[in-house]
Amino acid sequence: MDIRKAFEQGAFLEVADAAPDAPSPEDQLMVGISLFKVGRETDAMAVLRTLAGRVSDLARAYYYMALIHRGRGENEAAKSCINRYLSFYPDDDEALDLFAEEEKDGEAAPLMSEASPELAKIYADQGHYGQALKIYSRLLKNSDPEPQMRREAQRVQTLYLIKTLEGWLERTRK
């Protein structure tokens, strides 16, 4: 069975039944989506959780691509790769430290030497609102922020408060 063709035609039941025959991650993704669309959420979650784990593992490639780009002096490409890596591993202190240090010979500029709106956004996207707020606080103190950055900081602050209150409610229910 051609899983992609069946998926594109909307034959979600056929695709869902083809779960064991899905050889590639792309096919497995289509199976997971199809399982969800036909109401088999538990099966869909199992397939999608497995895929998400693989994606997270494979995201380590971005770290090594950043090292290669940095070694070649391609700092913008290295920044892009490390930002993608950090969206999967925001607490990887080694990656943050590696790019925060200036090289001894002074040739390569550090990639993550300062707090940036991009880094704050990565933390916020991963649900690490406290860290994102610390970064936004530093940015707002040290510069004349753009209105968009101020709005994003307020949005993250609201999400932080909601998360804190939800945690408090959960603890009071127990």
N, C-alpha and C. Protein backbone atom coordinates (compact mmCIF):
# COMPACT_ATOMS: atom_id res chain seq x y z
N MET A 1 0.84 -1.18 0.00
CA MET A 1 0.00 0.00 0.00
C MET A 1 0.88 1.24 0.00
N ASP A 2 0.50 2.22 -0.80
CA ASP A 2 1.19 3.50 -0.83
C ASP A 2 0.54 4.40 0.22
N ILE A 3 1.19 4.47 1.39
CA ILE A 3 0.62 5.20 2.52
C ILE A 3 0.45 6.68 2.19
N ARG A 4 1.44 7.27 1.53
CA ARG A 4 1.35 8.69 1.21
C ARG A 4 0.16 8.97 0.30
N LYS A 5 -0.01 8.16 -0.71
CA LYS A 5 -1.12 8.36 -1.66
C LYS A 5 -2.46 8.22 -0.95
N ALA A 6 -2.59 7.19 -0.13
CA ALA A 6 -3.84 6.97 0.61
C ALA A 6 -4.10 8.13 1.57
N PHE A 7 -3.07 8.64 2.21
CA PHE A 7 -3.21 9.75 3.14
C PHE A 7 -3.68 11.00 2.40
N GLU A 8 -3.05 11.29 1.25
CA GLU A 8 -3.41 12.46 0.46
C GLU A 8 -4.84 12.38 -0.05
N GLN A 9 -5.34 11.15 -0.26
CA GLN A 9 -6.71 10.95 -0.73
C GLN A 9 -7.71 10.95 0.43
N GLY A 10 -7.21 11.06 1.64
CA GLY A 10 -8.09 11.09 2.80
C GLY A 10 -8.59 9.73 3.26
N ALA A 11 -7.92 8.67 2.83
CA ALA A 11 -8.30 7.31 3.23
C ALA A 11 -7.65 6.99 4.57
N PHE A 12 -8.09 7.69 5.61
CA PHE A 12 -7.44 7.59 6.91
C PHE A 12 -7.61 6.22 7.56
N LEU A 13 -8.73 5.55 7.34
CA LEU A 13 -8.92 4.21 7.90
C LEU A 13 -7.90 3.23 7.32
N GLU A 14 -7.70 3.31 6.01
CA GLU A 14 -6.72 2.42 5.37
C GLU A 14 -5.31 2.72 5.89
N VAL A 15 -4.99 3.99 6.03
CA VAL A 15 -3.66 4.37 6.52
C VAL A 15 -3.49 3.90 7.96
N ALA A 16 -4.53 4.08 8.78
CA ALA A 16 -4.46 3.65 10.18
C ALA A 16 -4.23 2.15 10.28
N ASP A 17 -4.86 1.39 9.41
CA ASP A 17 -4.69 -0.06 9.43
C ASP A 17 -3.31 -0.48 8.92
N ALA A 18 -2.61 0.41 8.25
CA ALA A 18 -1.29 0.09 7.70
C ALA A 18 -0.17 0.37 8.69
N ALA A 19 -0.50 0.61 9.94
CA ALA A 19 0.50 0.97 10.95
C ALA A 19 1.72 0.06 10.95
N PRO A 20 1.54 -1.26 10.96
CA PRO A 20 2.73 -2.12 11.00
C PRO A 20 3.58 -2.05 9.73
N ASP A 21 2.98 -1.58 8.62
CA ASP A 21 3.70 -1.54 7.35
C ASP A 21 4.38 -0.20 7.08
N ALA A 22 4.34 0.71 8.03
CA ALA A 22 4.91 2.05 7.82
C ALA A 22 6.42 1.99 8.01
N PRO A 23 7.18 1.98 6.90
CA PRO A 23 8.62 1.80 7.02
C PRO A 23 9.39 3.07 7.39
N SER A 24 8.92 4.21 6.96
CA SER A 24 9.69 5.44 7.18
C SER A 24 9.04 6.31 8.24
N PRO A 25 9.81 7.22 8.82
CA PRO A 25 9.22 8.15 9.79
C PRO A 25 8.09 8.98 9.18
N GLU A 26 8.23 9.35 7.91
CA GLU A 26 7.17 10.11 7.25
C GLU A 26 5.88 9.31 7.20
N ASP A 27 6.01 8.02 6.84
CA ASP A 27 4.83 7.15 6.80
C ASP A 27 4.25 6.96 8.20
N GLN A 28 5.12 6.83 9.19
CA GLN A 28 4.65 6.67 10.56
C GLN A 28 3.90 7.91 11.03
N LEU A 29 4.37 9.09 10.62
CA LEU A 29 3.67 10.32 10.96
C LEU A 29 2.27 10.33 10.35
N MET A 30 2.17 9.93 9.09
CA MET A 30 0.85 9.88 8.44
C MET A 30 -0.05 8.86 9.13
N VAL A 31 0.51 7.75 9.58
CA VAL A 31 -0.27 6.76 10.33
C VAL A 31 -0.76 7.37 11.63
N GLY A 32 0.12 8.06 12.35
CA GLY A 32 -0.27 8.68 13.62
C GLY A 32 -1.38 9.70 13.44
N ILE A 33 -1.26 10.53 12.41
CA ILE A 33 -2.30 11.53 12.13
C ILE A 33 -3.60 10.83 11.76
N SER A 34 -3.51 9.79 10.95
CA SER A 34 -4.71 9.06 10.54
C SER A 34 -5.39 8.40 11.73
N LEU A 35 -4.59 7.80 12.61
CA LEU A 35 -5.17 7.19 13.82
C LEU A 35 -5.92 8.24 14.63
N PHE A 36 -5.35 9.43 14.74
CA PHE A 36 -6.02 10.51 15.46
C PHE A 36 -7.32 10.90 14.77
N LYS A 37 -7.28 11.03 13.45
CA LYS A 37 -8.46 11.47 12.70
C LYS A 37 -9.60 10.46 12.75
N VAL A 38 -9.28 9.18 12.93
CA VAL A 38 -10.36 8.18 13.02
C VAL A 38 -10.74 7.89 14.47
N GLY A 39 -10.22 8.68 15.39
CA GLY A 39 -10.64 8.57 16.78
C GLY A 39 -9.87 7.57 17.62
N ARG A 40 -8.80 7.04 17.12
CA ARG A 40 -7.99 6.08 17.88
C ARG A 40 -6.83 6.83 18.54
N GLU A 41 -7.18 7.70 19.48
CA GLU A 41 -6.21 8.61 20.07
C GLU A 41 -5.11 7.90 20.86
N THR A 42 -5.45 6.82 21.55
CA THR A 42 -4.43 6.10 22.32
C THR A 42 -3.37 5.51 21.38
N ASP A 43 -3.83 4.90 20.28
CA ASP A 43 -2.89 4.35 19.30
C ASP A 43 -2.09 5.47 18.64
N ALA A 44 -2.78 6.57 18.33
CA ALA A 44 -2.10 7.71 17.71
C ALA A 44 -1.01 8.25 18.63
N MET A 45 -1.34 8.36 19.92
CA MET A 45 -0.37 8.89 20.88
C MET A 45 0.87 8.00 20.94
N ALA A 46 0.68 6.70 20.91
CA ALA A 46 1.82 5.78 20.96
C ALA A 46 2.73 5.98 19.75
N VAL A 47 2.14 6.08 18.57
CA VAL A 47 2.93 6.27 17.35
C VAL A 47 3.62 7.63 17.38
N LEU A 48 2.88 8.67 17.73
CA LEU A 48 3.44 10.02 17.73
C LEU A 48 4.49 10.21 18.82
N ARG A 49 4.29 9.59 19.96
CA ARG A 49 5.28 9.69 21.05
C ARG A 49 6.61 9.06 20.61
N THR A 50 6.53 7.92 19.95
CA THR A 50 7.74 7.26 19.44
C THR A 50 8.46 8.17 18.44
N LEU A 51 7.68 8.76 17.53
CA LEU A 51 8.27 9.67 16.54
C LEU A 51 8.90 10.89 17.21
N ALA A 52 8.22 11.46 18.18
CA ALA A 52 8.74 12.64 18.87
C ALA A 52 10.07 12.32 19.56
N GLY A 53 10.17 11.15 20.14
CA GLY A 53 11.43 10.74 20.76
C GLY A 53 12.55 10.64 19.74
N ARG A 54 12.22 10.12 18.57
CA ARG A 54 13.23 10.01 17.52
C ARG A 54 13.65 11.39 17.02
N VAL A 55 12.69 12.28 16.88
CA VAL A 55 13.00 13.64 16.43
C VAL A 55 13.93 14.31 17.43
N SER A 56 13.61 14.17 18.70
CA SER A 56 14.43 14.77 19.74
C SER A 56 15.86 14.22 19.69
N ASP A 57 15.98 12.92 19.52
CA ASP A 57 17.31 12.31 19.42
C ASP A 57 18.06 12.82 18.19
N LEU A 58 17.36 12.92 17.07
CA LEU A 58 17.99 13.36 15.83
C LEU A 58 18.33 14.84 15.83
N ALA A 59 17.67 15.61 16.70
CA ALA A 59 17.94 17.05 16.77
C ALA A 59 19.37 17.33 17.24
N ARG A 60 20.04 16.35 17.80
CA ARG A 60 21.43 16.54 18.20
C ARG A 60 22.32 16.86 17.00
N ALA A 61 21.86 16.53 15.81
CA ALA A 61 22.61 16.86 14.60
C ALA A 61 22.85 18.37 14.51
N TYR A 62 21.88 19.16 14.97
CA TYR A 62 22.03 20.62 14.92
C TYR A 62 23.22 21.10 15.74
N TYR A 63 23.48 20.45 16.86
CA TYR A 63 24.61 20.83 17.71
C TYR A 63 25.92 20.67 16.93
N TYR A 64 26.08 19.53 16.27
CA TYR A 64 27.32 19.27 15.55
C TYR A 64 27.42 20.11 14.28
N MET A 65 26.27 20.39 13.66
CA MET A 65 26.28 21.30 12.52
C MET A 65 26.73 22.69 12.97
N ALA A 66 26.29 23.11 14.16
CA ALA A 66 26.71 24.42 14.69
C ALA A 66 28.22 24.44 14.90
N LEU A 67 28.77 23.35 15.43
CA LEU A 67 30.23 23.29 15.62
C LEU A 67 30.97 23.40 14.29
N ILE A 68 30.46 22.71 13.28
CA ILE A 68 31.10 22.76 11.96
C ILE A 68 31.01 24.16 11.38
N HIS A 69 29.82 24.76 11.42
CA HIS A 69 29.66 26.12 10.90
C HIS A 69 30.57 27.10 11.64
N ARG A 70 30.65 26.95 12.94
CA ARG A 70 31.49 27.85 13.74
C ARG A 70 32.95 27.69 13.35
N GLY A 71 33.39 26.45 13.19
CA GLY A 71 34.76 26.20 12.78
C GLY A 71 35.10 26.81 11.43
N ARG A 72 34.10 26.91 10.58
CA ARG A 72 34.29 27.51 9.25
C ARG A 72 34.13 29.03 9.28
N GLY A 73 33.79 29.57 10.44
CA GLY A 73 33.58 31.01 10.55
C GLY A 73 32.22 31.47 10.08
N GLU A 74 31.30 30.54 9.93
CA GLU A 74 29.93 30.84 9.47
C GLU A 74 29.03 31.02 10.69
N ASN A 75 29.21 32.14 11.39
CA ASN A 75 28.55 32.33 12.67
C ASN A 75 27.04 32.44 12.58
N GLU A 76 26.51 33.04 11.52
CA GLU A 76 25.05 33.15 11.40
C GLU A 76 24.43 31.76 11.23
N ALA A 77 25.04 30.93 10.40
CA ALA A 77 24.54 29.56 10.22
C ALA A 77 24.68 28.78 11.52
N ALA A 78 25.77 29.01 12.23
CA ALA A 78 25.97 28.33 13.52
C ALA A 78 24.92 28.75 14.52
N LYS A 79 24.59 30.05 14.56
CA LYS A 79 23.54 30.53 15.47
C LYS A 79 22.21 29.87 15.16
N SER A 80 21.90 29.78 13.89
CA SER A 80 20.64 29.16 13.48
C SER A 80 20.57 27.72 13.95
N CYS A 81 21.64 26.99 13.76
CA CYS A 81 21.67 25.57 14.18
C CYS A 81 21.58 25.44 15.69
N ILE A 82 22.32 26.27 16.43
CA ILE A 82 22.30 26.12 17.88
C ILE A 82 20.94 26.52 18.44
N ASN A 83 20.29 27.50 17.82
CA ASN A 83 18.94 27.86 18.26
C ASN A 83 17.96 26.71 18.05
N ARG A 84 18.08 26.02 16.94
CA ARG A 84 17.22 24.86 16.69
C ARG A 84 17.51 23.76 17.71
N TYR A 85 18.79 23.53 17.96
CA TYR A 85 19.18 22.52 18.95
C TYR A 85 18.61 22.87 20.32
N LEU A 86 18.75 24.13 20.71
CA LEU A 86 18.29 24.56 22.03
C LEU A 86 16.77 24.51 22.17
N SER A 87 16.04 24.54 21.06
CA SER A 87 14.59 24.40 21.18
C SER A 87 14.22 22.99 21.64
N PHE A 88 15.08 22.03 21.41
CA PHE A 88 14.86 20.66 21.90
C PHE A 88 15.53 20.44 23.25
N TYR A 89 16.66 21.10 23.47
CA TYR A 89 17.44 20.90 24.69
C TYR A 89 17.77 22.26 25.33
N PRO A 90 16.76 22.99 25.81
CA PRO A 90 17.02 24.34 26.33
C PRO A 90 17.87 24.37 27.59
N ASP A 91 17.97 23.26 28.28
CA ASP A 91 18.75 23.22 29.52
C ASP A 91 20.16 22.67 29.32
N ASP A 92 20.60 22.52 28.09
CA ASP A 92 21.93 21.98 27.82
C ASP A 92 22.97 23.06 28.10
N ASP A 93 23.45 23.08 29.33
CA ASP A 93 24.42 24.09 29.74
C ASP A 93 25.71 24.00 28.93
N GLU A 94 26.08 22.80 28.55
CA GLU A 94 27.32 22.64 27.77
C GLU A 94 27.21 23.37 26.43
N ALA A 95 26.06 23.25 25.78
CA ALA A 95 25.88 23.94 24.50
C ALA A 95 25.86 25.45 24.71
N LEU A 96 25.17 25.90 25.74
CA LEU A 96 25.14 27.33 26.03
C LEU A 96 26.52 27.86 26.37
N ASP A 97 27.25 27.11 27.21
CA ASP A 97 28.59 27.54 27.62
C ASP A 97 29.56 27.54 26.44
N LEU A 98 29.45 26.54 25.60
CA LEU A 98 30.36 26.43 24.47
C LEU A 98 30.30 27.69 23.61
N PHE A 99 29.10 28.18 23.39
CA PHE A 99 28.95 29.33 22.51
C PHE A 99 28.98 30.65 23.25
N ALA A 100 29.03 30.62 24.56
CA ALA A 100 29.14 31.85 25.33
C ALA A 100 30.60 32.26 25.50
N GLU A 101 31.50 31.31 25.41
CA GLU A 101 32.93 31.60 25.60
C GLU A 101 33.55 32.11 24.30
N GLU A 102 34.36 33.10 24.43
CA GLU A 102 35.10 33.56 23.26
C GLU A 102 36.30 32.65 23.09
N GLU A 103 36.63 32.37 21.84
CA GLU A 103 37.80 31.54 21.61
C GLU A 103 39.06 32.32 21.98
N LYS A 104 40.06 31.60 22.41
CA LYS A 104 41.30 32.23 22.89
C LYS A 104 41.96 33.10 21.84
N ASP A 105 41.88 32.69 20.59
CA ASP A 105 42.54 33.48 19.56
C ASP A 105 41.70 34.67 19.11
N GLY A 106 40.48 34.77 19.59
CA GLY A 106 39.64 35.92 19.30
C GLY A 106 39.06 35.96 17.90
N GLU A 107 39.24 34.91 17.13
CA GLU A 107 38.75 34.94 15.76
C GLU A 107 37.24 34.77 15.67
N ALA A 108 36.70 33.87 16.43
CA ALA A 108 35.26 33.60 16.32
C ALA A 108 34.51 34.33 17.42
N ALA A 109 33.45 34.97 17.05
CA ALA A 109 32.62 35.66 18.04
C ALA A 109 31.75 34.63 18.76
N PRO A 110 31.47 34.88 20.01
CA PRO A 110 30.60 33.95 20.72
C PRO A 110 29.20 33.98 20.14
N LEU A 111 28.54 32.84 20.13
CA LEU A 111 27.20 32.77 19.56
C LEU A 111 26.12 33.14 20.56
N MET A 112 26.31 32.81 21.81
CA MET A 112 25.26 33.03 22.79
C MET A 112 25.81 33.82 23.97
N SER A 113 26.57 34.86 23.69
CA SER A 113 27.22 35.58 24.78
C SER A 113 26.27 36.50 25.53
N GLU A 114 25.19 36.90 24.91
CA GLU A 114 24.27 37.82 25.55
C GLU A 114 22.85 37.28 25.47
N ALA A 115 22.05 37.78 26.38
CA ALA A 115 20.64 37.44 26.34
C ALA A 115 20.05 38.05 25.06
N SER A 116 19.17 37.31 24.43
CA SER A 116 18.56 37.81 23.21
C SER A 116 17.08 37.46 23.21
N PRO A 117 16.28 38.21 22.46
CA PRO A 117 14.86 37.86 22.36
C PRO A 117 14.66 36.45 21.80
N GLU A 118 15.56 36.04 20.91
CA GLU A 118 15.44 34.71 20.33
C GLU A 118 15.61 33.62 21.40
N LEU A 119 16.60 33.81 22.27
CA LEU A 119 16.83 32.84 23.34
C LEU A 119 15.65 32.82 24.30
N ALA A 120 15.12 33.99 24.63
CA ALA A 120 13.95 34.06 25.51
C ALA A 120 12.77 33.34 24.87
N LYS A 121 12.61 33.50 23.57
CA LYS A 121 11.50 32.84 22.87
C LYS A 121 11.67 31.32 22.90
N ILE A 122 12.89 30.86 22.75
CA ILE A 122 13.14 29.41 22.81
C ILE A 122 12.73 28.87 24.17
N TYR A 123 13.15 29.55 25.23
CA TYR A 123 12.76 29.11 26.57
C TYR A 123 11.25 29.14 26.74
N ALA A 124 10.60 30.20 26.29
CA ALA A 124 9.15 30.31 26.43
C ALA A 124 8.44 29.22 25.64
N ASP A 125 8.90 28.95 24.43
CA ASP A 125 8.28 27.91 23.60
C ASP A 125 8.38 26.53 24.25
N GLN A 126 9.40 26.33 25.07
CA GLN A 126 9.58 25.06 25.74
C GLN A 126 8.88 25.02 27.11
N GLY A 127 8.21 26.12 27.47
CA GLY A 127 7.50 26.15 28.75
C GLY A 127 8.36 26.57 29.92
N HIS A 128 9.58 27.03 29.66
CA HIS A 128 10.48 27.50 30.72
C HIS A 128 10.28 29.01 30.87
N TYR A 129 9.10 29.37 31.38
CA TYR A 129 8.72 30.78 31.44
C TYR A 129 9.59 31.57 32.41
N GLY A 130 10.03 30.98 33.50
CA GLY A 130 10.87 31.68 34.46
C GLY A 130 12.17 32.15 33.83
N GLN A 131 12.83 31.24 33.09
CA GLN A 131 14.08 31.61 32.44
C GLN A 131 13.83 32.67 31.37
N ALA A 132 12.74 32.51 30.62
CA ALA A 132 12.42 33.49 29.58
C ALA A 132 12.19 34.87 30.19
N LEU A 133 11.49 34.90 31.32
CA LEU A 133 11.23 36.19 31.99
C LEU A 133 12.52 36.85 32.47
N LYS A 134 13.46 36.06 32.97
CA LYS A 134 14.74 36.62 33.41
C LYS A 134 15.46 37.30 32.23
N ILE A 135 15.44 36.63 31.09
CA ILE A 135 16.09 37.19 29.90
C ILE A 135 15.38 38.46 29.46
N TYR A 136 14.04 38.40 29.38
CA TYR A 136 13.30 39.60 28.98
C TYR A 136 13.55 40.75 29.96
N SER A 137 13.64 40.44 31.24
CA SER A 137 13.89 41.47 32.24
C SER A 137 15.21 42.17 31.98
N ARG A 138 16.26 41.38 31.70
CA ARG A 138 17.56 41.97 31.39
C ARG A 138 17.50 42.82 30.13
N LEU A 139 16.81 42.29 29.11
CA LEU A 139 16.71 43.02 27.85
C LEU A 139 15.95 44.33 28.02
N LEU A 140 14.87 44.30 28.79
CA LEU A 140 14.07 45.51 28.99
C LEU A 140 14.81 46.55 29.81
N LYS A 141 15.67 46.10 30.73
CA LYS A 141 16.46 47.01 31.55
C LYS A 141 17.57 47.68 30.76
N ASN A 142 18.20 46.91 29.88
CA ASN A 142 19.42 47.37 29.23
C ASN A 142 19.21 48.00 27.86
N SER A 143 17.99 48.08 27.38
CA SER A 143 17.80 48.64 26.05
C SER A 143 16.42 49.28 25.95
N ASP A 144 16.24 49.98 24.86
CA ASP A 144 14.93 50.54 24.56
C ASP A 144 14.22 49.50 23.69
N PRO A 145 13.35 48.70 24.30
CA PRO A 145 12.79 47.55 23.58
C PRO A 145 11.78 47.96 22.52
N GLU A 146 11.69 47.12 21.52
CA GLU A 146 10.67 47.29 20.50
C GLU A 146 9.33 46.92 21.13
N PRO A 147 8.24 47.51 20.65
CA PRO A 147 6.92 47.19 21.21
C PRO A 147 6.60 45.70 21.12
N GLN A 148 7.04 45.05 20.05
CA GLN A 148 6.77 43.62 19.89
C GLN A 148 7.45 42.81 21.00
N MET A 149 8.68 43.17 21.35
CA MET A 149 9.38 42.44 22.41
C MET A 149 8.70 42.67 23.75
N ARG A 150 8.25 43.88 23.99
CA ARG A 150 7.54 44.18 25.25
C ARG A 150 6.24 43.35 25.32
N ARG A 151 5.51 43.26 24.21
CA ARG A 151 4.28 42.45 24.18
C ARG A 151 4.58 40.98 24.43
N GLU A 152 5.65 40.49 23.82
CA GLU A 152 6.03 39.09 24.01
C GLU A 152 6.41 38.83 25.47
N ALA A 153 7.12 39.77 26.08
CA ALA A 153 7.48 39.63 27.49
C ALA A 153 6.23 39.61 28.37
N GLN A 154 5.26 40.44 28.05
CA GLN A 154 4.01 40.44 28.82
C GLN A 154 3.24 39.14 28.62
N ARG A 155 3.26 38.61 27.40
CA ARG A 155 2.59 37.34 27.12
C ARG A 155 3.24 36.22 27.93
N VAL A 156 4.56 36.19 27.95
CA VAL A 156 5.28 35.16 28.71
C VAL A 156 5.00 35.32 30.21
N GLN A 157 4.92 36.56 30.68
CA GLN A 157 4.62 36.79 32.09
C GLN A 157 3.23 36.25 32.42
N THR A 158 2.27 36.46 31.54
CA THR A 158 0.92 35.93 31.75
C THR A 158 0.94 34.41 31.79
N LEU A 159 1.66 33.79 30.86
CA LEU A 159 1.76 32.33 30.84
C LEU A 159 2.43 31.80 32.10
N TYR A 160 3.44 32.52 32.58
CA TYR A 160 4.13 32.13 33.81
C TYR A 160 3.16 32.17 34.99
N LEU A 161 2.37 33.22 35.07
CA LEU A 161 1.39 33.33 36.15
C LEU A 161 0.35 32.23 36.07
N ILE A 162 -0.13 31.94 34.87
CA ILE A 162 -1.11 30.87 34.69
C ILE A 162 -0.53 29.54 35.12
N LYS A 163 0.69 29.26 34.68
CA LYS A 163 1.35 28.00 35.04
C LYS A 163 1.53 27.91 36.55
N THR A 164 1.92 29.01 37.18
CA THR A 164 2.10 29.03 38.63
C THR A 164 0.79 28.78 39.35
N LEU A 165 -0.27 29.44 38.90
CA LEU A 165 -1.59 29.26 39.53
C LEU A 165 -2.13 27.85 39.31
N GLU A 166 -1.91 27.30 38.12
CA GLU A 166 -2.35 25.92 37.87
C GLU A 166 -1.63 24.95 38.79
N GLY A 167 -0.34 25.17 39.00
CA GLY A 167 0.41 24.32 39.93
C GLY A 167 -0.10 24.45 41.34
N TRP A 168 -0.41 25.67 41.74
CA TRP A 168 -0.95 25.91 43.08
C TRP A 168 -2.31 25.22 43.23
N LEU A 169 -3.18 25.35 42.23
CA LEU A 169 -4.50 24.69 42.29
C LEU A 169 -4.36 23.18 42.37
N GLU A 170 -3.44 22.65 41.60
CA GLU A 170 -3.22 21.20 41.60
C GLU A 170 -2.77 20.73 42.97
N ARG A 171 -1.88 21.48 43.60
CA ARG A 171 -1.40 21.10 44.94
C ARG A 171 -2.50 21.21 45.98
N THR A 172 -3.39 22.19 45.84
CA THR A 172 -4.47 22.34 46.84
C THR A 172 -5.53 21.26 46.69
N ARG A 173 -5.64 20.68 45.51
CA ARG A 173 -6.62 19.61 45.29
C ARG A 173 -6.18 18.29 45.91
N LYS A 174 -4.90 18.14 46.12
CA LYS A 174 -4.37 16.87 46.64
C LYS A 174 -4.47 16.80 48.09
